[in-house]
Amino acid sequence: MHHHGYLWTGPKPRFDQEALRRPPHPEPPPAGSRPELIQRYREVAAEFPTSDLPPLETALWLMKPRTVVRGTWDDPHEAVAWLAERLADYAPRFSSAAERAPARLARYSNSATEQLSWGGDVSLGFYLERPAYLSLSLVTCSPNRAAPDLPCPVHTETPRR
């Protein structure tokens, strides 16, 4: 078992495009469907697997391209160290002062360590100034408890960071 780290930051309106954050339905619209429905299906089918936009379900990060993996760790403590560093990097930009509190940031890290230790995933999100949004995730892989059939996006022969 190992863990992959994911980070996305961008405009809040882009994050809010939920249709692009879920995989397309396995069956395309039937023949004769409204043209706009067919076009929307094609857009989602093309964008979801190639986009760095965070999926609605944390485990579905594993369906995204390997290029969006920010790090891979066998040790959950190393994965959480990466998460804690990202939280420290972005905390000054959090729109909520309460979210920036050192004790709260420590609770996020402690909770992440606990989640990863039993094979769970971690997903955190924060509003940033401008308005922008930050999504941080740690996804357990090989296998993932929520989606055990999803393959690892980073093969074992690839060097891990």
N, C-alpha and C. Protein backbone atom coordinates (compact mmCIF):
# COMPACT_ATOMS: atom_id res chain seq x y z
N MET A 1 0.85 -1.18 0.00
CA MET A 1 0.00 0.00 0.00
C MET A 1 0.89 1.23 0.00
N HIS A 2 0.47 2.25 -0.76
CA HIS A 2 1.17 3.53 -0.79
C HIS A 2 0.15 4.64 -0.95
N HIS A 3 0.63 5.88 -0.95
CA HIS A 3 -0.26 7.04 -0.95
C HIS A 3 0.22 8.04 -2.01
N HIS A 4 -0.74 8.63 -2.72
CA HIS A 4 -0.45 9.66 -3.71
C HIS A 4 -0.99 10.99 -3.20
N GLY A 5 -0.23 12.04 -3.45
CA GLY A 5 -0.66 13.39 -3.09
C GLY A 5 -1.13 14.16 -4.31
N TYR A 6 -2.20 14.92 -4.12
CA TYR A 6 -2.77 15.74 -5.19
C TYR A 6 -3.04 17.14 -4.66
N LEU A 7 -2.80 18.12 -5.49
CA LEU A 7 -3.05 19.51 -5.13
C LEU A 7 -3.64 20.21 -6.34
N TRP A 8 -4.70 20.94 -6.13
CA TRP A 8 -5.29 21.77 -7.18
C TRP A 8 -5.64 23.10 -6.56
N THR A 9 -5.33 24.16 -7.25
CA THR A 9 -5.79 25.48 -6.86
C THR A 9 -6.20 26.20 -8.12
N GLY A 10 -7.29 26.91 -8.01
CA GLY A 10 -7.79 27.62 -9.18
C GLY A 10 -9.02 28.43 -8.83
N PRO A 11 -9.60 29.03 -9.86
CA PRO A 11 -10.78 29.87 -9.64
C PRO A 11 -11.96 29.04 -9.10
N LYS A 12 -12.63 29.58 -8.13
CA LYS A 12 -13.78 28.90 -7.53
C LYS A 12 -14.84 28.55 -8.58
N PRO A 13 -15.15 29.41 -9.54
CA PRO A 13 -16.15 29.02 -10.56
C PRO A 13 -15.73 27.77 -11.35
N ARG A 14 -14.45 27.58 -11.57
CA ARG A 14 -13.98 26.38 -12.27
C ARG A 14 -14.21 25.15 -11.37
N PHE A 15 -13.88 25.26 -10.10
CA PHE A 15 -14.09 24.18 -9.15
C PHE A 15 -15.57 23.80 -9.08
N ASP A 16 -16.44 24.78 -9.23
CA ASP A 16 -17.88 24.56 -9.12
C ASP A 16 -18.49 23.85 -10.33
N GLN A 17 -17.72 23.57 -11.35
CA GLN A 17 -18.24 22.86 -12.53
C GLN A 17 -18.30 21.36 -12.22
N GLU A 18 -19.33 21.00 -11.46
CA GLU A 18 -19.44 19.63 -10.94
C GLU A 18 -19.52 18.57 -12.02
N ALA A 19 -20.12 18.87 -13.15
CA ALA A 19 -20.24 17.85 -14.20
C ALA A 19 -18.86 17.42 -14.68
N LEU A 20 -17.89 18.33 -14.65
CA LEU A 20 -16.54 18.00 -15.09
C LEU A 20 -15.73 17.32 -13.99
N ARG A 21 -16.30 17.23 -12.79
CA ARG A 21 -15.61 16.63 -11.65
C ARG A 21 -16.10 15.21 -11.37
N ARG A 22 -16.97 14.71 -12.22
CA ARG A 22 -17.44 13.33 -12.06
C ARG A 22 -17.20 12.59 -13.38
N PRO A 23 -16.90 11.30 -13.30
CA PRO A 23 -16.64 10.56 -14.54
C PRO A 23 -17.92 10.48 -15.38
N PRO A 24 -17.76 10.35 -16.68
CA PRO A 24 -18.97 10.23 -17.51
C PRO A 24 -19.69 8.92 -17.23
N HIS A 25 -20.96 8.93 -17.47
CA HIS A 25 -21.75 7.71 -17.32
C HIS A 25 -21.17 6.66 -18.27
N PRO A 26 -21.17 5.39 -17.87
CA PRO A 26 -20.58 4.35 -18.73
C PRO A 26 -21.28 4.21 -20.09
N GLU A 27 -22.54 4.57 -20.14
CA GLU A 27 -23.30 4.49 -21.39
C GLU A 27 -23.52 5.89 -21.95
N PRO A 28 -23.15 6.14 -23.21
CA PRO A 28 -23.42 7.46 -23.79
C PRO A 28 -24.93 7.65 -23.98
N PRO A 29 -25.34 8.89 -24.19
CA PRO A 29 -26.77 9.13 -24.42
C PRO A 29 -27.26 8.32 -25.62
N PRO A 30 -28.49 7.84 -25.57
CA PRO A 30 -29.00 7.04 -26.68
C PRO A 30 -29.12 7.86 -27.96
N ALA A 31 -29.09 7.17 -29.08
CA ALA A 31 -29.27 7.83 -30.37
C ALA A 31 -30.59 8.60 -30.35
N GLY A 32 -30.57 9.75 -30.93
CA GLY A 32 -31.77 10.58 -30.97
C GLY A 32 -31.89 11.52 -29.78
N SER A 33 -30.91 11.49 -28.86
CA SER A 33 -30.95 12.41 -27.71
C SER A 33 -30.74 13.84 -28.19
N ARG A 34 -31.11 14.78 -27.35
CA ARG A 34 -30.92 16.20 -27.68
C ARG A 34 -29.46 16.47 -27.99
N PRO A 35 -29.16 17.27 -28.99
CA PRO A 35 -27.77 17.55 -29.36
C PRO A 35 -26.95 18.12 -28.21
N GLU A 36 -27.55 18.97 -27.38
CA GLU A 36 -26.81 19.56 -26.26
C GLU A 36 -26.42 18.50 -25.22
N LEU A 37 -27.26 17.47 -25.06
CA LEU A 37 -26.96 16.37 -24.13
C LEU A 37 -25.78 15.55 -24.67
N ILE A 38 -25.79 15.28 -25.95
CA ILE A 38 -24.70 14.52 -26.57
C ILE A 38 -23.40 15.32 -26.48
N GLN A 39 -23.49 16.62 -26.76
CA GLN A 39 -22.29 17.47 -26.69
C GLN A 39 -21.74 17.52 -25.27
N ARG A 40 -22.61 17.63 -24.29
CA ARG A 40 -22.17 17.69 -22.89
C ARG A 40 -21.51 16.37 -22.49
N TYR A 41 -22.08 15.25 -22.91
CA TYR A 41 -21.48 13.95 -22.62
C TYR A 41 -20.08 13.88 -23.22
N ARG A 42 -19.94 14.31 -24.46
CA ARG A 42 -18.62 14.27 -25.11
C ARG A 42 -17.61 15.15 -24.37
N GLU A 43 -18.06 16.31 -23.93
CA GLU A 43 -17.18 17.22 -23.20
C GLU A 43 -16.69 16.58 -21.89
N VAL A 44 -17.61 16.01 -21.15
CA VAL A 44 -17.25 15.37 -19.88
C VAL A 44 -16.36 14.15 -20.12
N ALA A 45 -16.69 13.35 -21.12
CA ALA A 45 -15.90 12.15 -21.42
C ALA A 45 -14.48 12.51 -21.82
N ALA A 46 -14.31 13.63 -22.50
CA ALA A 46 -12.97 14.06 -22.92
C ALA A 46 -12.22 14.74 -21.78
N GLU A 47 -12.91 15.52 -20.97
CA GLU A 47 -12.23 16.33 -19.96
C GLU A 47 -11.93 15.59 -18.67
N PHE A 48 -12.85 14.78 -18.15
CA PHE A 48 -12.64 14.18 -16.84
C PHE A 48 -11.32 13.42 -16.73
N PRO A 49 -11.01 12.50 -17.64
CA PRO A 49 -9.78 11.71 -17.45
C PRO A 49 -8.49 12.48 -17.70
N THR A 50 -8.56 13.66 -18.29
CA THR A 50 -7.32 14.39 -18.62
C THR A 50 -7.13 15.64 -17.77
N SER A 51 -8.15 16.06 -17.11
CA SER A 51 -8.11 17.32 -16.36
C SER A 51 -7.51 17.14 -14.97
N ASP A 52 -6.94 18.23 -14.46
CA ASP A 52 -6.44 18.21 -13.09
C ASP A 52 -7.49 18.68 -12.09
N LEU A 53 -8.70 18.94 -12.56
CA LEU A 53 -9.80 19.37 -11.69
C LEU A 53 -10.14 18.25 -10.70
N PRO A 54 -10.24 18.57 -9.41
CA PRO A 54 -10.49 17.52 -8.41
C PRO A 54 -11.82 16.80 -8.65
N PRO A 55 -11.80 15.47 -8.57
CA PRO A 55 -13.06 14.72 -8.72
C PRO A 55 -13.92 14.88 -7.48
N LEU A 56 -15.21 14.64 -7.64
CA LEU A 56 -16.12 14.73 -6.51
C LEU A 56 -15.84 13.65 -5.46
N GLU A 57 -15.41 12.49 -5.89
CA GLU A 57 -15.06 11.41 -4.98
C GLU A 57 -13.54 11.30 -4.92
N THR A 58 -12.98 11.36 -3.74
CA THR A 58 -11.52 11.39 -3.56
C THR A 58 -10.81 10.25 -4.28
N ALA A 59 -11.31 9.04 -4.19
CA ALA A 59 -10.65 7.88 -4.81
C ALA A 59 -10.53 8.03 -6.32
N LEU A 60 -11.40 8.83 -6.93
CA LEU A 60 -11.38 8.96 -8.38
C LEU A 60 -10.18 9.76 -8.89
N TRP A 61 -9.39 10.33 -7.98
CA TRP A 61 -8.11 10.91 -8.41
C TRP A 61 -7.30 9.85 -9.15
N LEU A 62 -7.47 8.58 -8.77
CA LEU A 62 -6.70 7.50 -9.38
C LEU A 62 -7.01 7.34 -10.87
N MET A 63 -8.10 7.93 -11.34
CA MET A 63 -8.45 7.88 -12.76
C MET A 63 -7.78 9.02 -13.54
N LYS A 64 -7.19 9.94 -12.85
CA LYS A 64 -6.59 11.11 -13.49
C LYS A 64 -5.20 10.77 -14.01
N PRO A 65 -4.65 11.63 -14.87
CA PRO A 65 -3.31 11.34 -15.42
C PRO A 65 -2.24 11.33 -14.33
N ARG A 66 -1.23 10.52 -14.54
CA ARG A 66 -0.14 10.43 -13.57
C ARG A 66 0.57 11.76 -13.38
N THR A 67 0.46 12.66 -14.35
CA THR A 67 1.13 13.96 -14.25
C THR A 67 0.55 14.83 -13.14
N VAL A 68 -0.64 14.52 -12.65
CA VAL A 68 -1.20 15.34 -11.57
C VAL A 68 -0.83 14.81 -10.19
N VAL A 69 -0.16 13.67 -10.13
CA VAL A 69 0.33 13.14 -8.85
C VAL A 69 1.50 14.01 -8.41
N ARG A 70 1.38 14.61 -7.23
CA ARG A 70 2.42 15.51 -6.71
C ARG A 70 3.48 14.79 -5.89
N GLY A 71 3.20 13.57 -5.51
CA GLY A 71 4.14 12.79 -4.73
C GLY A 71 3.54 11.44 -4.41
N THR A 72 4.42 10.47 -4.16
CA THR A 72 4.00 9.12 -3.81
C THR A 72 4.87 8.64 -2.65
N TRP A 73 4.23 8.11 -1.62
CA TRP A 73 4.95 7.69 -0.43
C TRP A 73 4.43 6.34 0.06
N ASP A 74 5.35 5.50 0.51
CA ASP A 74 4.96 4.24 1.15
C ASP A 74 4.57 4.48 2.61
N ASP A 75 5.24 5.42 3.23
CA ASP A 75 5.02 5.71 4.65
C ASP A 75 3.96 6.82 4.79
N PRO A 76 2.86 6.54 5.51
CA PRO A 76 1.83 7.56 5.67
C PRO A 76 2.35 8.83 6.36
N HIS A 77 3.34 8.70 7.22
CA HIS A 77 3.88 9.89 7.90
C HIS A 77 4.56 10.83 6.90
N GLU A 78 5.22 10.26 5.89
CA GLU A 78 5.84 11.09 4.86
C GLU A 78 4.79 11.79 4.01
N ALA A 79 3.71 11.08 3.72
CA ALA A 79 2.60 11.68 2.96
C ALA A 79 1.99 12.84 3.75
N VAL A 80 1.80 12.64 5.04
CA VAL A 80 1.23 13.69 5.88
C VAL A 80 2.20 14.85 6.04
N ALA A 81 3.49 14.58 6.04
CA ALA A 81 4.48 15.68 6.09
C ALA A 81 4.32 16.56 4.86
N TRP A 82 4.12 15.96 3.69
CA TRP A 82 3.88 16.73 2.47
C TRP A 82 2.61 17.58 2.62
N LEU A 83 1.55 16.96 3.14
CA LEU A 83 0.29 17.67 3.35
C LEU A 83 0.50 18.85 4.30
N ALA A 84 1.19 18.62 5.40
CA ALA A 84 1.44 19.68 6.39
C ALA A 84 2.23 20.83 5.78
N GLU A 85 3.20 20.50 4.93
CA GLU A 85 3.98 21.56 4.25
C GLU A 85 3.09 22.38 3.33
N ARG A 86 2.19 21.73 2.60
CA ARG A 86 1.29 22.47 1.71
C ARG A 86 0.34 23.35 2.53
N LEU A 87 -0.16 22.81 3.65
CA LEU A 87 -1.03 23.62 4.50
C LEU A 87 -0.29 24.86 4.99
N ALA A 88 0.95 24.69 5.42
CA ALA A 88 1.75 25.84 5.88
C ALA A 88 1.99 26.84 4.74
N ASP A 89 2.23 26.33 3.54
CA ASP A 89 2.46 27.21 2.38
C ASP A 89 1.24 28.06 2.07
N TYR A 90 0.07 27.45 2.12
CA TYR A 90 -1.16 28.13 1.68
C TYR A 90 -1.92 28.82 2.81
N ALA A 91 -1.66 28.47 4.06
CA ALA A 91 -2.43 29.02 5.18
C ALA A 91 -2.52 30.55 5.18
N PRO A 92 -1.45 31.28 4.85
CA PRO A 92 -1.59 32.74 4.84
C PRO A 92 -2.64 33.25 3.85
N ARG A 93 -2.99 32.45 2.86
CA ARG A 93 -3.99 32.86 1.86
C ARG A 93 -5.40 32.37 2.18
N PHE A 94 -5.57 31.55 3.24
CA PHE A 94 -6.91 31.07 3.59
C PHE A 94 -7.81 32.27 3.87
N SER A 95 -9.03 32.21 3.36
CA SER A 95 -9.94 33.33 3.56
C SER A 95 -10.46 33.40 5.00
N SER A 96 -10.39 32.31 5.73
CA SER A 96 -10.86 32.26 7.11
C SER A 96 -9.68 32.26 8.07
N ALA A 97 -9.68 33.21 8.98
CA ALA A 97 -8.62 33.26 9.99
C ALA A 97 -8.64 32.01 10.87
N ALA A 98 -9.81 31.47 11.14
CA ALA A 98 -9.92 30.27 11.97
C ALA A 98 -9.20 29.09 11.31
N GLU A 99 -9.27 28.99 9.99
CA GLU A 99 -8.60 27.90 9.28
C GLU A 99 -7.09 28.02 9.36
N ARG A 100 -6.58 29.22 9.57
CA ARG A 100 -5.12 29.45 9.62
C ARG A 100 -4.52 29.13 10.98
N ALA A 101 -5.34 28.93 11.98
CA ALA A 101 -4.84 28.71 13.34
C ALA A 101 -3.93 27.48 13.38
N PRO A 102 -2.74 27.62 13.98
CA PRO A 102 -1.79 26.50 14.05
C PRO A 102 -2.39 25.23 14.67
N ALA A 103 -3.22 25.38 15.68
CA ALA A 103 -3.82 24.19 16.31
C ALA A 103 -4.75 23.47 15.33
N ARG A 104 -5.47 24.23 14.53
CA ARG A 104 -6.36 23.60 13.55
C ARG A 104 -5.55 22.89 12.47
N LEU A 105 -4.47 23.52 12.00
CA LEU A 105 -3.62 22.89 10.99
C LEU A 105 -3.03 21.59 11.54
N ALA A 106 -2.66 21.58 12.81
CA ALA A 106 -2.12 20.36 13.44
C ALA A 106 -3.20 19.28 13.50
N ARG A 107 -4.45 19.67 13.77
CA ARG A 107 -5.54 18.68 13.81
C ARG A 107 -5.74 18.05 12.43
N TYR A 108 -5.63 18.86 11.37
CA TYR A 108 -5.75 18.30 10.02
C TYR A 108 -4.68 17.23 9.79
N SER A 109 -3.46 17.53 10.19
CA SER A 109 -2.36 16.57 10.00
C SER A 109 -2.58 15.32 10.84
N ASN A 110 -2.97 15.48 12.09
CA ASN A 110 -3.20 14.32 12.97
C ASN A 110 -4.32 13.44 12.41
N SER A 111 -5.37 14.07 11.96
CA SER A 111 -6.49 13.32 11.39
C SER A 111 -6.05 12.58 10.12
N ALA A 112 -5.24 13.24 9.30
CA ALA A 112 -4.76 12.62 8.06
C ALA A 112 -3.91 11.39 8.38
N THR A 113 -3.06 11.48 9.38
CA THR A 113 -2.24 10.33 9.77
C THR A 113 -3.12 9.16 10.17
N GLU A 114 -4.14 9.43 10.94
CA GLU A 114 -5.07 8.38 11.38
C GLU A 114 -5.79 7.77 10.18
N GLN A 115 -6.29 8.61 9.27
CA GLN A 115 -7.01 8.12 8.09
C GLN A 115 -6.13 7.21 7.23
N LEU A 116 -4.93 7.66 6.95
CA LEU A 116 -4.04 6.88 6.08
C LEU A 116 -3.59 5.58 6.74
N SER A 117 -3.48 5.58 8.06
CA SER A 117 -2.98 4.39 8.76
C SER A 117 -3.90 3.19 8.58
N TRP A 118 -5.17 3.41 8.37
CA TRP A 118 -6.08 2.29 8.13
C TRP A 118 -6.50 2.17 6.66
N GLY A 119 -5.81 2.92 5.78
CA GLY A 119 -6.07 2.78 4.35
C GLY A 119 -7.12 3.72 3.81
N GLY A 120 -7.50 4.73 4.59
CA GLY A 120 -8.47 5.71 4.12
C GLY A 120 -7.82 6.79 3.27
N ASP A 121 -8.65 7.63 2.71
CA ASP A 121 -8.20 8.77 1.91
C ASP A 121 -8.42 10.04 2.70
N VAL A 122 -7.73 11.11 2.29
CA VAL A 122 -7.84 12.41 2.93
C VAL A 122 -8.15 13.44 1.86
N SER A 123 -9.12 14.28 2.12
CA SER A 123 -9.44 15.34 1.18
C SER A 123 -9.76 16.60 1.97
N LEU A 124 -9.03 17.66 1.68
CA LEU A 124 -9.24 18.94 2.35
C LEU A 124 -9.46 20.01 1.30
N GLY A 125 -10.27 20.99 1.63
CA GLY A 125 -10.52 22.10 0.71
C GLY A 125 -10.63 23.40 1.47
N PHE A 126 -10.10 24.46 0.86
CA PHE A 126 -10.08 25.77 1.52
C PHE A 126 -10.35 26.87 0.50
N TYR A 127 -11.16 27.83 0.92
CA TYR A 127 -11.31 29.04 0.12
C TYR A 127 -10.09 29.91 0.33
N LEU A 128 -9.57 30.40 -0.77
CA LEU A 128 -8.43 31.31 -0.73
C LEU A 128 -8.91 32.70 -1.13
N GLU A 129 -8.05 33.66 -0.95
CA GLU A 129 -8.38 35.02 -1.39
C GLU A 129 -8.62 35.03 -2.90
N ARG A 130 -9.31 35.96 -3.40
CA ARG A 130 -9.54 36.34 -4.81
C ARG A 130 -10.89 36.04 -5.39
N PRO A 131 -11.74 35.28 -5.40
CA PRO A 131 -11.92 34.00 -4.72
C PRO A 131 -11.30 32.85 -5.52
N ALA A 132 -10.56 32.10 -4.83
CA ALA A 132 -9.93 30.90 -5.39
C ALA A 132 -10.19 29.76 -4.43
N TYR A 133 -9.82 28.57 -4.86
CA TYR A 133 -10.06 27.40 -4.04
C TYR A 133 -8.83 26.51 -4.07
N LEU A 134 -8.52 25.88 -2.93
CA LEU A 134 -7.42 24.95 -2.80
C LEU A 134 -7.98 23.58 -2.43
N SER A 135 -7.60 22.57 -3.19
CA SER A 135 -7.97 21.19 -2.89
C SER A 135 -6.69 20.40 -2.66
N LEU A 136 -6.60 19.73 -1.52
CA LEU A 136 -5.46 18.87 -1.18
C LEU A 136 -6.01 17.48 -0.88
N SER A 137 -5.39 16.47 -1.47
CA SER A 137 -5.85 15.10 -1.23
C SER A 137 -4.67 14.16 -1.10
N LEU A 138 -4.85 13.17 -0.26
CA LEU A 138 -3.96 12.02 -0.16
C LEU A 138 -4.82 10.80 -0.42
N VAL A 139 -4.43 10.02 -1.41
CA VAL A 139 -5.24 8.87 -1.83
C VAL A 139 -4.43 7.60 -1.64
N THR A 140 -5.00 6.67 -0.91
CA THR A 140 -4.36 5.38 -0.69
C THR A 140 -4.54 4.53 -1.94
N CYS A 141 -3.48 3.84 -2.31
CA CYS A 141 -3.48 3.10 -3.57
C CYS A 141 -2.95 1.68 -3.36
N SER A 142 -3.42 0.79 -4.21
CA SER A 142 -2.97 -0.61 -4.28
C SER A 142 -3.37 -1.46 -3.08
N PRO A 143 -4.62 -1.64 -2.86
CA PRO A 143 -5.76 -1.04 -3.52
C PRO A 143 -6.33 0.11 -2.69
N ASN A 144 -7.23 0.84 -3.30
CA ASN A 144 -7.97 1.89 -2.59
C ASN A 144 -9.22 1.23 -2.01
N ARG A 145 -9.54 1.52 -0.77
CA ARG A 145 -10.70 0.88 -0.12
C ARG A 145 -12.02 1.25 -0.79
N ALA A 146 -12.16 2.49 -1.22
CA ALA A 146 -13.42 2.94 -1.82
C ALA A 146 -13.56 2.51 -3.28
N ALA A 147 -12.42 2.30 -3.95
CA ALA A 147 -12.45 1.94 -5.37
C ALA A 147 -11.33 0.93 -5.65
N PRO A 148 -11.46 -0.30 -5.14
CA PRO A 148 -10.38 -1.28 -5.23
C PRO A 148 -10.02 -1.70 -6.65
N ASP A 149 -10.90 -1.49 -7.60
CA ASP A 149 -10.62 -1.90 -8.98
C ASP A 149 -9.87 -0.86 -9.79
N LEU A 150 -9.71 0.33 -9.25
CA LEU A 150 -8.98 1.36 -10.00
C LEU A 150 -7.49 1.06 -9.97
N PRO A 151 -6.84 1.11 -11.14
CA PRO A 151 -5.40 0.83 -11.17
C PRO A 151 -4.60 2.01 -10.64
N CYS A 152 -3.39 1.71 -10.24
CA CYS A 152 -2.48 2.74 -9.75
C CYS A 152 -2.03 3.61 -10.93
N PRO A 153 -2.10 4.94 -10.80
CA PRO A 153 -1.66 5.80 -11.89
C PRO A 153 -0.14 5.88 -12.01
N VAL A 154 0.56 5.46 -10.98
CA VAL A 154 2.02 5.49 -10.97
C VAL A 154 2.49 4.06 -10.73
N HIS A 155 3.07 3.46 -11.74
CA HIS A 155 3.51 2.06 -11.62
C HIS A 155 4.69 1.95 -10.67
N THR A 156 4.87 0.80 -10.11
CA THR A 156 5.89 0.61 -9.08
C THR A 156 7.30 0.84 -9.60
N GLU A 157 7.53 0.71 -10.93
CA GLU A 157 8.89 0.95 -11.41
C GLU A 157 9.22 2.43 -11.51
N THR A 158 8.21 3.30 -11.35
CA THR A 158 8.43 4.74 -11.38
C THR A 158 9.03 5.17 -10.05
N PRO A 159 10.10 5.98 -10.07
CA PRO A 159 10.66 6.45 -8.79
C PRO A 159 9.61 7.22 -8.00
N ARG A 160 9.59 7.01 -6.71
CA ARG A 160 8.66 7.71 -5.83
C ARG A 160 9.36 8.88 -5.18
N ARG A 161 8.60 9.93 -4.92
CA ARG A 161 9.15 11.12 -4.27
C ARG A 161 8.80 11.10 -2.81
